[in-house]
Amino acid sequence: MANEHRARVVASALIAVVLGVTGCGLVAGVDFGAVKPRGEGGASSASASTATTTGTEAVSSSASTSPASSSAGSSGSGGGVSTSCGPGAQIGAPWPLRGRCSGRAGRADVTGPATSNVRWTFLTGGRISTSPVIDKDGVIYATSDDQYLYAVLPTGLKKWDFYLKSLPGAGLAVGADGTVYTGDGAGVLHAINPDGSEKWALPTALPGVSAPALADDGTIYVTSGNTLFAVNAAGSLKWSYPAGAGPTSSPALGPDGVVYFGSADMKLHAVNPDSTEKWTHATQGAISSSPTVALDGKAVYFGSSDHSVYAVGPGNDLLWSTPISDAVAGSPALGVGGVVLVGAQDHALYAFDPLQGGKVLWNFPTGLWLVGSSATDADGTAYFGSYDDSVYALNSNGSLKWSYKTGDGVTSSPAFGADGTLYIGSYDKKLYAFGPSL
């Protein structure tokens, strides 16, 4: 990696730890260069061209050019796609939110790619740092630092794009009717119709917008600045709840509708659906790690910059906390048997056993920081990216299954298609599809 790139990565990671901006999907103080607008906040369709124009490239990779190394959805095995994300998310969508469902567990009920074969890549005009989401038709939605939201067909060709007029927020979500929700760095929450036209836009008047969470009644929850916002599906504000300081992490929902999010005020906040505070849980550091709710709703997992991973019960009882060697900016995901998987600034992915008081089962070192979250397939394989430019697949015992070197850092969280294809973005401006060649 070039020295210039290394310095940029170091600066970005330090900003993420100190300010907690990882949870908002923003990296402050980085000049991404000028962006040439394609229209005033509107959609632009594209033909099924394979030309190498930015935003329309679909490069098939039957032979990889990079050598390979040897409430949440259902955790069952098999090929079926669970529709248990609740009525707020699109029924039949294999991965409608970051972390799959609003509980952020990151569990798939399909088997992911067994090798690092790249089916195709889709080139954008800027870095892709956020998690893609996938609708019921297999369309993949991803945002890029070129300020566009892209809708990409399962073949890797562009369906349409939408100009956000600002750097993207921390993630996306697909609502019950196919509406795509995403925020931007200017603090605007956008609702985009399935055809790429804008449905509505709601300014929060605060910097950055988190990945949305979707409640069963259609309420959209996002954080921006130091505040949690509850938004009606029609685009009007229901209520807001301020934390003591910002930035804040992306929110997660419990099965009872309670909203959980972390903040720079060093607390995990639990907020009832009527906007009243249920409780707060104090740590010794800023919380940019988005919380994850256990599949049975009996625990909330999160990390803190105080170098610890926490498990807190829905009544605010501390179930366990486990110290590690560095700050935790990555968000937890759940593996086989409820194992909690968390990446940290010490370059490693950790596996914690909640049945043994948060005991560390194993850790897998990478070359640089981990600030995204992992996702697991039906076989328990964990997939994740690292700032060391690589995408990793680990067996459930923590051993390496495969790895793939992209052209730059990977902070995007993975998403699984209905057929087990793995989608993830990279700072090299590409969206990757891993799976058997078509």
Protein backbone atom coordinates (compact mmCIF):
# COMPACT_ATOMS: atom_id res chain seq x y z
CA MET A 1 0.00 0.00 0.00
CA ALA A 2 1.33 3.45 -0.90
CA ASN A 3 2.48 5.73 1.91
CA GLU A 4 -0.10 8.34 0.96
CA HIS A 5 -2.92 5.83 1.20
CA ARG A 6 -1.56 4.47 4.49
CA ALA A 7 -1.51 8.00 5.97
CA ARG A 8 -5.08 8.60 4.81
CA VAL A 9 -6.26 5.34 6.37
CA VAL A 10 -4.53 6.14 9.66
CA ALA A 11 -6.12 9.58 9.78
CA SER A 12 -9.56 8.23 8.96
CA ALA A 13 -9.38 5.51 11.58
CA LEU A 14 -8.22 7.89 14.29
CA ILE A 15 -11.07 10.26 13.49
CA ALA A 16 -13.51 7.36 13.68
CA VAL A 17 -12.28 6.34 17.14
CA VAL A 18 -12.06 9.80 18.64
CA LEU A 19 -15.28 11.24 17.23
CA GLY A 20 -17.31 8.08 16.87
CA VAL A 21 -18.24 8.93 13.31
CA THR A 22 -18.01 5.33 12.16
CA GLY A 23 -21.57 4.79 13.34
CA CYS A 24 -22.70 7.61 11.07
CA GLY A 25 -20.76 6.33 8.09
CA LEU A 26 -18.92 9.60 7.68
CA VAL A 27 -15.23 10.41 7.75
CA ALA A 28 -14.76 14.04 8.70
CA GLY A 29 -12.02 16.20 7.28
CA VAL A 30 -11.36 14.14 4.13
CA ASP A 31 -11.55 15.92 0.79
CA PHE A 32 -13.12 13.53 -1.69
CA GLY A 33 -12.74 15.91 -4.59
CA ALA A 34 -15.24 17.64 -6.82
CA VAL A 35 -18.24 15.72 -8.07
CA LYS A 36 -19.80 16.45 -11.42
CA PRO A 37 -23.58 16.50 -10.99
CA ARG A 38 -25.73 14.47 -13.37
CA GLY A 39 -28.91 16.21 -12.34
CA GLU A 40 -30.54 18.04 -9.49
CA GLY A 41 -31.26 15.25 -7.03
CA GLY A 42 -32.99 13.07 -9.56
CA ALA A 43 -32.70 9.60 -10.98
CA SER A 44 -30.70 8.71 -14.05
CA SER A 45 -31.42 5.43 -15.81
CA ALA A 46 -28.81 3.54 -17.77
CA SER A 47 -28.94 1.03 -20.55
CA ALA A 48 -27.54 -2.44 -20.06
CA SER A 49 -24.13 -1.38 -21.30
CA THR A 50 -20.85 -2.95 -20.27
CA ALA A 51 -18.82 0.11 -21.18
CA THR A 52 -16.26 1.15 -18.58
CA THR A 53 -17.98 4.44 -17.84
CA THR A 54 -18.19 5.29 -14.14
CA GLY A 55 -21.31 3.76 -12.67
CA THR A 56 -22.07 1.42 -15.56
CA GLU A 57 -19.18 -1.01 -15.44
CA ALA A 58 -20.05 -4.62 -14.77
CA VAL A 59 -16.82 -6.58 -15.04
CA SER A 60 -17.34 -10.31 -15.03
CA SER A 61 -14.60 -12.20 -13.24
CA SER A 62 -14.81 -15.91 -13.88
CA ALA A 63 -11.12 -16.00 -13.05
CA SER A 64 -10.17 -13.66 -10.25
CA THR A 65 -7.39 -11.20 -10.93
CA SER A 66 -6.49 -11.21 -7.25
CA PRO A 67 -5.22 -14.50 -5.83
CA ALA A 68 -7.26 -16.14 -3.10
CA SER A 69 -5.95 -17.48 0.15
CA SER A 70 -6.63 -20.94 1.21
CA SER A 71 -35.74 -8.24 15.25
CA ALA A 72 -33.26 -10.57 13.19
CA GLY A 73 -33.97 -13.06 10.49
CA SER A 74 -34.03 -16.80 10.76
CA SER A 75 -30.79 -18.61 11.54
CA GLY A 76 -31.90 -21.91 10.04
CA SER A 77 -29.99 -23.72 7.32
CA GLY A 78 -31.05 -24.39 3.76
CA GLY A 79 -31.74 -22.32 0.70
CA GLY A 80 -34.94 -20.55 1.68
CA VAL A 81 -34.95 -16.83 2.41
CA SER A 82 -36.56 -15.77 5.66
CA THR A 83 -39.16 -13.02 5.56
CA SER A 84 -39.10 -12.46 9.31
CA CYS A 85 -37.73 -8.92 9.33
CA GLY A 86 -41.25 -7.72 10.16
CA PRO A 87 -43.85 -5.80 8.16
CA GLY A 88 -41.77 -2.61 8.16
CA ALA A 89 -39.24 -4.13 5.75
CA GLN A 90 -39.97 -5.51 2.31
CA ILE A 91 -41.30 -9.08 2.46
CA GLY A 92 -39.12 -11.46 0.45
CA ALA A 93 -36.10 -9.16 0.41
CA PRO A 94 -33.04 -11.23 1.39
CA TRP A 95 -31.14 -8.29 2.94
CA PRO A 96 -33.33 -5.18 3.27
CA LEU A 97 -31.28 -3.41 5.98
CA ARG A 98 -27.73 -3.15 7.21
CA GLY A 99 -27.30 -6.26 9.35
CA ARG A 100 -30.23 -7.79 7.43
CA CYS A 101 -33.01 -6.83 9.88
CA SER A 102 -33.52 -4.01 12.35
CA GLY A 103 -31.98 -6.06 15.16
CA ARG A 104 -28.70 -5.96 13.12
CA ALA A 105 -27.81 -9.63 13.79
CA GLY A 106 -26.28 -10.12 10.34
CA ARG A 107 -27.46 -13.74 10.01
CA ALA A 108 -28.30 -15.32 6.64
CA ASP A 109 -30.17 -18.57 6.06
CA VAL A 110 -28.32 -19.26 2.81
CA THR A 111 -24.81 -20.58 2.29
CA GLY A 112 -22.29 -17.97 1.18
CA PRO A 113 -19.50 -18.29 -1.40
CA ALA A 114 -17.09 -21.17 -0.78
CA THR A 115 -14.28 -19.45 -2.72
CA SER A 116 -13.12 -15.93 -3.45
CA ASN A 117 -14.33 -16.02 -7.05
CA VAL A 118 -15.53 -12.56 -8.08
CA ARG A 119 -18.63 -12.85 -10.24
CA TRP A 120 -18.55 -9.18 -11.19
CA THR A 121 -17.59 -5.73 -10.01
CA PHE A 122 -19.53 -2.50 -10.43
CA LEU A 123 -17.43 0.65 -10.66
CA THR A 124 -18.64 3.93 -9.14
CA GLY A 125 -16.99 7.34 -8.98
CA GLY A 126 -16.09 7.24 -5.26
CA ARG A 127 -15.32 5.07 -2.28
CA ILE A 128 -18.01 2.65 -1.06
CA SER A 129 -17.89 2.51 2.73
CA THR A 130 -21.44 1.50 3.64
CA SER A 131 -23.34 -1.78 3.49
CA PRO A 132 -25.39 -2.60 0.41
CA VAL A 133 -29.01 -3.74 0.78
CA ILE A 134 -31.04 -6.02 -1.50
CA ASP A 135 -34.73 -5.99 -2.44
CA LYS A 136 -37.07 -8.89 -3.26
CA ASP A 137 -36.17 -8.74 -6.96
CA GLY A 138 -32.47 -9.06 -6.22
CA VAL A 139 -31.68 -5.42 -6.98
CA ILE A 140 -28.68 -4.26 -4.96
CA TYR A 141 -28.62 -0.71 -3.60
CA ALA A 142 -25.35 0.96 -2.64
CA THR A 143 -24.15 4.50 -2.03
CA SER A 144 -20.79 5.91 -3.02
CA ASP A 145 -18.69 8.90 -2.05
CA ASP A 146 -19.35 10.22 -5.56
CA GLN A 147 -22.66 11.30 -3.94
CA TYR A 148 -24.83 8.82 -5.83
CA LEU A 149 -27.17 6.06 -4.76
CA TYR A 150 -26.95 3.19 -7.25
CA ALA A 151 -29.51 0.49 -8.05
CA VAL A 152 -27.63 -2.47 -9.53
CA LEU A 153 -29.21 -5.48 -11.18
CA PRO A 154 -28.14 -9.01 -10.11
CA THR A 155 -26.17 -9.19 -13.37
CA GLY A 156 -23.99 -6.28 -12.24
CA LEU A 157 -25.51 -3.72 -14.62
CA LYS A 158 -26.89 -0.40 -13.48
CA LYS A 159 -30.66 -0.02 -13.24
CA TRP A 160 -30.59 3.64 -12.20
CA ASP A 161 -28.76 6.12 -10.02
CA PHE A 162 -29.89 9.00 -7.82
CA TYR A 163 -27.84 12.12 -7.04
CA LEU A 164 -27.81 12.83 -3.28
CA LYS A 165 -26.01 16.21 -3.56
CA SER A 166 -23.83 15.26 -0.57
CA LEU A 167 -21.64 12.45 0.74
CA PRO A 168 -23.75 9.45 1.75
CA GLY A 169 -24.85 8.56 5.26
CA ALA A 170 -24.16 5.29 7.03
CA GLY A 171 -26.50 2.95 5.17
CA LEU A 172 -29.79 2.13 3.49
CA ALA A 173 -33.04 0.25 4.05
CA VAL A 174 -35.80 -1.13 1.82
CA GLY A 175 -39.30 -0.49 3.16
CA ALA A 176 -42.41 -2.65 2.84
CA ASP A 177 -43.47 -1.03 -0.44
CA GLY A 178 -39.98 -1.09 -1.96
CA THR A 179 -39.11 2.48 -0.99
CA VAL A 180 -35.36 2.88 -0.45
CA TYR A 181 -34.36 5.00 2.53
CA THR A 182 -30.91 6.53 2.86
CA GLY A 183 -29.37 9.56 4.48
CA ASP A 184 -26.60 11.90 3.46
CA GLY A 185 -23.77 13.82 5.08
CA ALA A 186 -25.76 17.05 5.04
CA GLY A 187 -28.31 15.53 7.42
CA VAL A 188 -31.11 14.77 4.93
CA LEU A 189 -33.08 11.52 5.01
CA HIS A 190 -34.15 10.56 1.48
CA ALA A 191 -37.00 8.25 0.44
CA ILE A 192 -36.53 6.96 -3.12
CA ASN A 193 -39.19 5.14 -5.13
CA PRO A 194 -38.29 1.78 -6.72
CA ASP A 195 -38.05 3.52 -10.11
CA GLY A 196 -35.35 5.92 -8.82
CA SER A 197 -37.53 9.00 -8.41
CA GLU A 198 -37.54 10.91 -5.14
CA LYS A 199 -40.55 10.28 -2.90
CA TRP A 200 -39.63 12.78 -0.20
CA ALA A 201 -36.67 14.27 1.65
CA LEU A 202 -36.56 15.26 5.32
CA PRO A 203 -33.79 17.56 6.62
CA THR A 204 -32.69 16.85 10.19
CA ALA A 205 -30.67 20.09 10.49
CA LEU A 206 -27.83 18.02 12.00
CA PRO A 207 -24.74 16.50 10.34
CA GLY A 208 -24.83 12.96 8.97
CA VAL A 209 -27.60 10.36 8.92
CA SER A 210 -27.21 6.80 10.21
CA ALA A 211 -28.35 3.56 8.63
CA PRO A 212 -32.16 3.42 9.04
CA ALA A 213 -34.03 0.90 11.17
CA LEU A 214 -37.62 0.03 10.26
CA ALA A 215 -40.34 -0.65 12.82
CA ASP A 216 -43.33 -2.91 12.24
CA ASP A 217 -45.67 0.09 12.02
CA GLY A 218 -43.57 1.65 9.23
CA THR A 219 -41.72 4.13 11.42
CA ILE A 220 -38.21 4.89 10.18
CA TYR A 221 -35.59 5.43 12.89
CA VAL A 222 -32.31 7.22 12.16
CA THR A 223 -29.78 9.14 14.19
CA SER A 224 -28.20 12.41 13.10
CA GLY A 225 -25.79 14.49 15.15
CA ASN A 226 -26.66 13.73 18.77
CA THR A 227 -30.34 12.94 18.11
CA LEU A 228 -32.56 9.95 17.41
CA PHE A 229 -35.38 10.71 14.95
CA ALA A 230 -38.63 8.79 14.43
CA VAL A 231 -40.08 9.48 10.99
CA ASN A 232 -43.44 8.46 9.52
CA ALA A 233 -43.47 6.56 6.24
CA ALA A 234 -44.99 9.66 4.62
CA GLY A 235 -41.88 11.68 5.54
CA SER A 236 -43.11 13.70 8.52
CA LEU A 237 -41.31 13.80 11.85
CA LYS A 238 -43.01 11.87 14.68
CA TRP A 239 -40.60 12.80 17.44
CA SER A 240 -36.94 13.25 18.31
CA TYR A 241 -34.83 12.26 21.29
CA PRO A 242 -31.49 13.97 22.03
CA ALA A 243 -28.51 12.17 23.54
CA GLY A 244 -25.93 14.01 25.61
CA ALA A 245 -23.43 14.31 22.76
CA GLY A 246 -22.93 13.28 19.17
CA PRO A 247 -22.14 11.65 16.85
CA THR A 248 -24.33 8.63 17.47
CA SER A 249 -24.37 5.07 16.17
CA SER A 250 -27.00 3.60 13.87
CA PRO A 251 -30.05 2.40 15.84
CA ALA A 252 -31.22 -1.18 16.36
CA LEU A 253 -34.69 -2.37 17.38
CA GLY A 254 -35.69 -4.93 19.98
CA PRO A 255 -38.68 -7.24 19.47
CA ASP A 256 -40.74 -4.98 21.76
CA GLY A 257 -40.01 -1.93 19.59
CA VAL A 258 -37.44 -0.40 21.95
CA VAL A 259 -34.77 1.55 20.04
CA TYR A 260 -31.11 1.14 21.05
CA PHE A 261 -28.24 3.38 19.97
CA GLY A 262 -24.85 4.46 21.24
CA SER A 263 -23.43 7.93 21.49
CA ALA A 264 -20.34 10.03 22.11
CA ASP A 265 -21.80 10.69 25.58
CA MET A 266 -20.42 7.19 26.40
CA LYS A 267 -23.90 5.71 26.92
CA LEU A 268 -26.07 3.11 25.28
CA HIS A 269 -29.55 4.61 25.07
CA ALA A 270 -32.79 2.60 25.19
CA VAL A 271 -35.78 4.60 23.97
CA ASN A 272 -39.41 3.49 23.98
CA PRO A 273 -41.49 3.77 20.77
CA ASP A 274 -43.33 6.75 22.30
CA SER A 275 -40.01 8.71 22.63
CA THR A 276 -39.64 8.27 26.40
CA GLU A 277 -36.31 7.15 27.75
CA LYS A 278 -36.34 3.58 29.05
CA TRP A 279 -32.80 3.64 30.40
CA THR A 280 -29.19 4.47 29.60
CA HIS A 281 -26.14 2.32 30.24
CA ALA A 282 -22.86 4.14 30.87
CA THR A 283 -19.44 2.98 29.67
CA GLN A 284 -16.04 4.64 29.91
CA GLY A 285 -15.78 5.63 26.24
CA ALA A 286 -17.64 6.89 23.21
CA ILE A 287 -19.90 4.33 21.51
CA SER A 288 -19.78 4.43 17.72
CA SER A 289 -20.45 0.69 17.48
CA SER A 290 -24.04 0.12 16.41
CA PRO A 291 -25.77 -2.26 18.85
CA THR A 292 -27.04 -5.70 17.91
CA VAL A 293 -30.02 -7.37 19.55
CA ALA A 294 -29.89 -11.11 20.34
CA LEU A 295 -32.26 -13.29 18.35
CA ASP A 296 -34.37 -13.92 21.44
CA GLY A 297 -34.32 -10.24 22.44
CA LYS A 298 -32.72 -11.01 25.79
CA ALA A 299 -29.44 -9.18 25.22
CA VAL A 300 -28.06 -6.13 23.43
CA TYR A 301 -24.43 -6.33 22.31
CA PHE A 302 -22.19 -3.37 21.56
CA GLY A 303 -18.61 -2.19 21.74
CA SER A 304 -17.06 0.95 23.20
CA SER A 305 -13.89 2.96 22.72
CA ASP A 306 -13.09 1.98 26.33
CA HIS A 307 -11.70 -1.27 24.81
CA SER A 308 -14.62 -3.44 25.91
CA VAL A 309 -17.51 -5.40 24.42
CA TYR A 310 -20.75 -5.37 26.42
CA ALA A 311 -23.87 -7.48 26.75
CA VAL A 312 -26.78 -5.71 28.45
CA GLY A 313 -30.21 -7.18 29.18
CA PRO A 314 -33.45 -5.46 28.12
CA GLY A 315 -33.89 -4.33 31.74
CA ASN A 316 -30.44 -2.61 31.75
CA ASP A 317 -28.75 -5.41 33.71
CA LEU A 318 -25.12 -5.95 32.75
CA LEU A 319 -24.87 -9.56 31.54
CA TRP A 320 -21.14 -9.38 30.85
CA SER A 321 -18.36 -7.16 29.60
CA THR A 322 -15.08 -8.36 28.13
CA PRO A 323 -12.00 -6.17 27.74
CA ILE A 324 -9.82 -6.39 24.65
CA SER A 325 -6.66 -4.55 23.65
CA ASP A 326 -8.12 -1.61 21.70
CA ALA A 327 -11.22 0.41 20.89
CA VAL A 328 -14.27 -1.19 19.28
CA ALA A 329 -15.82 0.75 16.40
CA GLY A 330 -17.19 -2.24 14.51
CA SER A 331 -20.72 -3.44 15.09
CA PRO A 332 -21.44 -6.94 16.44
CA ALA A 333 -22.93 -9.75 14.38
CA LEU A 334 -24.20 -13.13 15.53
CA GLY A 335 -22.72 -16.47 14.54
CA VAL A 336 -23.74 -20.08 15.09
CA GLY A 337 -25.03 -20.71 18.61
CA GLY A 338 -25.38 -16.98 19.27
CA VAL A 339 -21.61 -16.36 19.24
CA VAL A 340 -20.96 -12.61 19.11
CA LEU A 341 -18.52 -11.48 16.40
CA VAL A 342 -16.94 -8.03 16.72
CA GLY A 343 -14.07 -6.32 14.92
CA ALA A 344 -11.72 -3.94 16.72
CA GLN A 345 -9.06 -1.32 16.15
CA ASP A 346 -6.38 -3.86 17.12
CA HIS A 347 -6.94 -5.35 13.63
CA ALA A 348 -8.70 -8.53 14.83
CA LEU A 349 -12.15 -10.07 14.57
CA TYR A 350 -13.19 -11.53 17.94
CA ALA A 351 -15.66 -14.29 18.77
CA PHE A 352 -17.31 -14.10 22.22
CA ASP A 353 -19.38 -16.86 23.80
CA PRO A 354 -22.44 -15.31 25.53
CA LEU A 355 -23.09 -18.60 27.35
CA GLN A 356 -19.69 -18.39 29.06
CA GLY A 357 -19.90 -14.80 30.27
CA GLY A 358 -18.43 -13.29 27.11
CA LYS A 359 -15.39 -15.55 27.01
CA VAL A 360 -13.18 -14.97 23.97
CA LEU A 361 -13.33 -18.14 21.86
CA TRP A 362 -10.87 -16.96 19.25
CA ASN A 363 -9.60 -13.90 17.43
CA PHE A 364 -8.41 -13.61 13.86
CA PRO A 365 -5.79 -10.90 13.11
CA THR A 366 -5.87 -8.89 9.91
CA GLY A 367 -3.47 -6.24 8.68
CA LEU A 368 -5.38 -3.11 9.76
CA TRP A 369 -8.45 -1.80 11.57
CA LEU A 370 -11.91 -3.35 11.46
CA VAL A 371 -14.70 -0.77 11.60
CA GLY A 372 -17.52 -2.47 9.69
CA SER A 373 -19.51 -5.46 10.84
CA SER A 374 -19.34 -9.06 9.74
CA ALA A 375 -22.17 -11.26 8.46
CA THR A 376 -22.59 -15.02 8.82
CA ASP A 377 -24.13 -17.58 6.51
CA ALA A 378 -26.12 -20.74 7.27
CA ASP A 379 -22.92 -22.75 7.74
CA GLY A 380 -21.53 -20.29 10.27
CA THR A 381 -18.93 -18.81 7.93
CA ALA A 382 -18.19 -15.19 8.88
CA TYR A 383 -17.54 -12.68 6.09
CA PHE A 384 -16.06 -9.22 6.71
CA GLY A 385 -13.72 -6.55 5.39
CA SER A 386 -10.66 -4.81 6.81
CA TYR A 387 -8.78 -1.57 6.23
CA ASP A 388 -5.96 -3.82 4.99
CA ASP A 389 -7.83 -3.84 1.62
CA SER A 390 -9.10 -7.41 2.07
CA VAL A 391 -12.37 -9.32 2.29
CA TYR A 392 -12.18 -12.37 4.57
CA ALA A 393 -14.22 -15.55 5.01
CA LEU A 394 -13.63 -17.45 8.27
CA ASN A 395 -14.89 -20.85 9.30
CA SER A 396 -16.93 -21.00 12.50
CA ASN A 397 -13.81 -22.02 14.45
CA GLY A 398 -11.97 -18.88 13.36
CA SER A 399 -9.76 -20.48 10.72
CA LEU A 400 -9.34 -18.84 7.33
CA LYS A 401 -11.60 -20.12 4.57
CA TRP A 402 -10.50 -17.59 1.96
CA SER A 403 -9.45 -13.99 1.51
CA TYR A 404 -9.45 -11.58 -1.40
CA LYS A 405 -7.39 -8.43 -1.90
CA THR A 406 -9.32 -5.46 -3.28
CA GLY A 407 -7.70 -2.25 -4.45
CA ASP A 408 -8.21 -0.31 -1.20
CA GLY A 409 -9.64 -0.48 2.34
CA VAL A 410 -12.90 -2.29 3.06
CA THR A 411 -15.19 -0.78 5.71
CA SER A 412 -18.44 -1.84 4.06
CA SER A 413 -20.46 -4.53 5.79
CA PRO A 414 -21.49 -7.56 3.70
CA ALA A 415 -24.94 -8.48 2.36
CA PHE A 416 -26.20 -11.83 1.07
CA GLY A 417 -28.44 -12.33 -1.95
CA ALA A 418 -31.12 -15.02 -2.07
CA ASP A 419 -28.74 -17.34 -3.93
CA GLY A 420 -25.89 -16.84 -1.43
CA THR A 421 -23.99 -14.25 -3.49
CA LEU A 422 -21.97 -11.98 -1.19
CA TYR A 423 -22.01 -8.24 -1.93
CA ILE A 424 -19.57 -5.79 -0.35
CA GLY A 425 -18.10 -2.41 -1.26
CA SER A 426 -14.51 -1.15 -1.16
CA TYR A 427 -12.66 2.13 -1.04
CA ASP A 428 -11.41 1.20 -4.53
CA LYS A 429 -14.81 2.52 -5.72
CA LYS A 430 -16.17 -0.92 -6.60
CA LEU A 431 -19.10 -3.01 -5.45
CA TYR A 432 -18.03 -6.67 -5.45
CA ALA A 433 -20.21 -9.72 -6.03
CA PHE A 434 -18.59 -12.95 -4.79
CA GLY A 435 -20.00 -16.26 -5.95
CA PRO A 436 -19.89 -18.86 -8.75
CA SER A 437 -19.60 -17.37 -12.21
CA LEU A 438 -22.84 -16.93 -14.13
